[in-house]
C-alpha cells in the first residue's frame, strides 16, 4: 500500500477510495484480468471484462487529483500497477494507462470544464469511465511529428461544431469521453489558429467508430479510426490557444514514459515466467529430464533475466527520480523508452528462439507476449526521433528542419 498522505479535498468533492496497489492485490487483479486476455486477443473485441476488473479494483480512478477527491499517486506506484496489468493483458494495461494519464493531465492543467470533470469523477465511482486523448490522423500522423491537425472546431451561436477523422484512437469503442485534438481557424483572413483538446461525450450524435484496427499485437486495444461529423459540443468544451503557446508538459512526458515502458516490462516479465515454467516442465523422451537442466537453456534464462533486470532498473530509476520532486533529465526520459523497449523485446525474442515451435503455438501465451511487446516500438518517442534528439544534444547541434519518420 502507498504511504502517501491523505488529501484535503475541496468543498463538495466526494472522496475517492484509494485503490489497494499492494503486491498481493495487484497479483489478484492480474489473475482476474488474465482470464479473458486470450479470448479478447483472438476476437479483437473491446476488453470489457478486463476493464471492469480494473474498475472494480479502483485502479481506473488512479490519477484523479486531490482537489477532486482523489489521492496523490506516485510514479513508482503507477509503474507497479501497469507492470502487473501488462503481464496479464497488454491491451487492458494500455487502456488503463491512457485513462490514468488523462486524470493526471486534468490535475496538472485543468483543461476540462470543472463542473463536467466533477461529474466524470462521480460517474467513475459506480462504473468504468474510460478516457483518452484522440490525436493522430490518417494523413497527418501523430502530433509528436509537428504540424496542425485537419480536425477542426467551428464556432456556432451556442458552442462548437467538431469535424474530422482521427486514427489510432485507443479504446475507441469503450471511451466515455474523447479528448480530440483539434484546431479553430477562426474567422477572417487575419485569424490566428488555436488548438486544444475538445472534450466530447462518447454518446454525442455524429461520432462513428470505423473498425480499422487489425493489428499484430494489442489486438483488444480498440485502436480504431473515429469520424466526427458535425459533432456539437458546448462552448466551454474547447479552450484553444496559439500553437506556439502550447506548454511543454514536462511532467506529462515523464508520466507517459513511465506508464508505457512499465506495461511492456510487464509483458516481458510474463514471457520470462512462461519460459522458466516451460523449461522446468518440458521433459523430452530423448533427454529424460527437464530441459532446464541443460546449460544452453540455463544460459538463455540468464540472458532473459539480464534483459529484464536492465529494463526494470531503468524504469525504476526514472520513476524514483520523478517522485523525488526534482526535474527529470529530458535525455533520461528519451533514453529510457529506447533502452527498455530494446531490453523487453530482446528478452521475449530470446525465450521464443530457445523454446522453438511451442513458443509460437496459439494456446501458449508466449506468442501473444511476443506480438504485444513488438508494439512498444510505435509509441513516441520512436527510436529514430529519440536517437536524433539525444545525438544532437550530445553534439551540441540544433536544427530547424523536421526529420522524416514514421507517423506512428
Foldseek 3Di string as FASTA:
>chain_A
DDPDDQFDEAPPADAQDDFDLPPVLLLVLLVQLLVCQLVCLVVLAASVRNLQSCLVRVLLVAQADRHNNYGDDFLVSLLSNLLSNLLRHLLSLVQSLQSNLVNNVCNVPVLADVVVVSVVSVVSNPGRATEHEFAAAPVQFHCVLPDADPWAWEDDPFATWTFDKTFQGWCLVPHQWYFYWHWYQDDDPPGAIWIGTQTGGSPFPQKDWDQPDPALASSNRSRTMIGGDRGDDGHSRDDTDHPVPDDDPQLSLLSSLLSLLSSLLSLLVSLLVLLVVQQQPDADPVRRHRNCVPPVSVVLNVLLVVLSVVLVVLSVVSRVVSRVPDRDDPLSSLVNLVSSLVSSLVNLVSSDVVVDPVCCDSVDCSVNSNSHSVVSQPDPPHPVVSVVVNVCVVVVHDDPDRDDDDSD
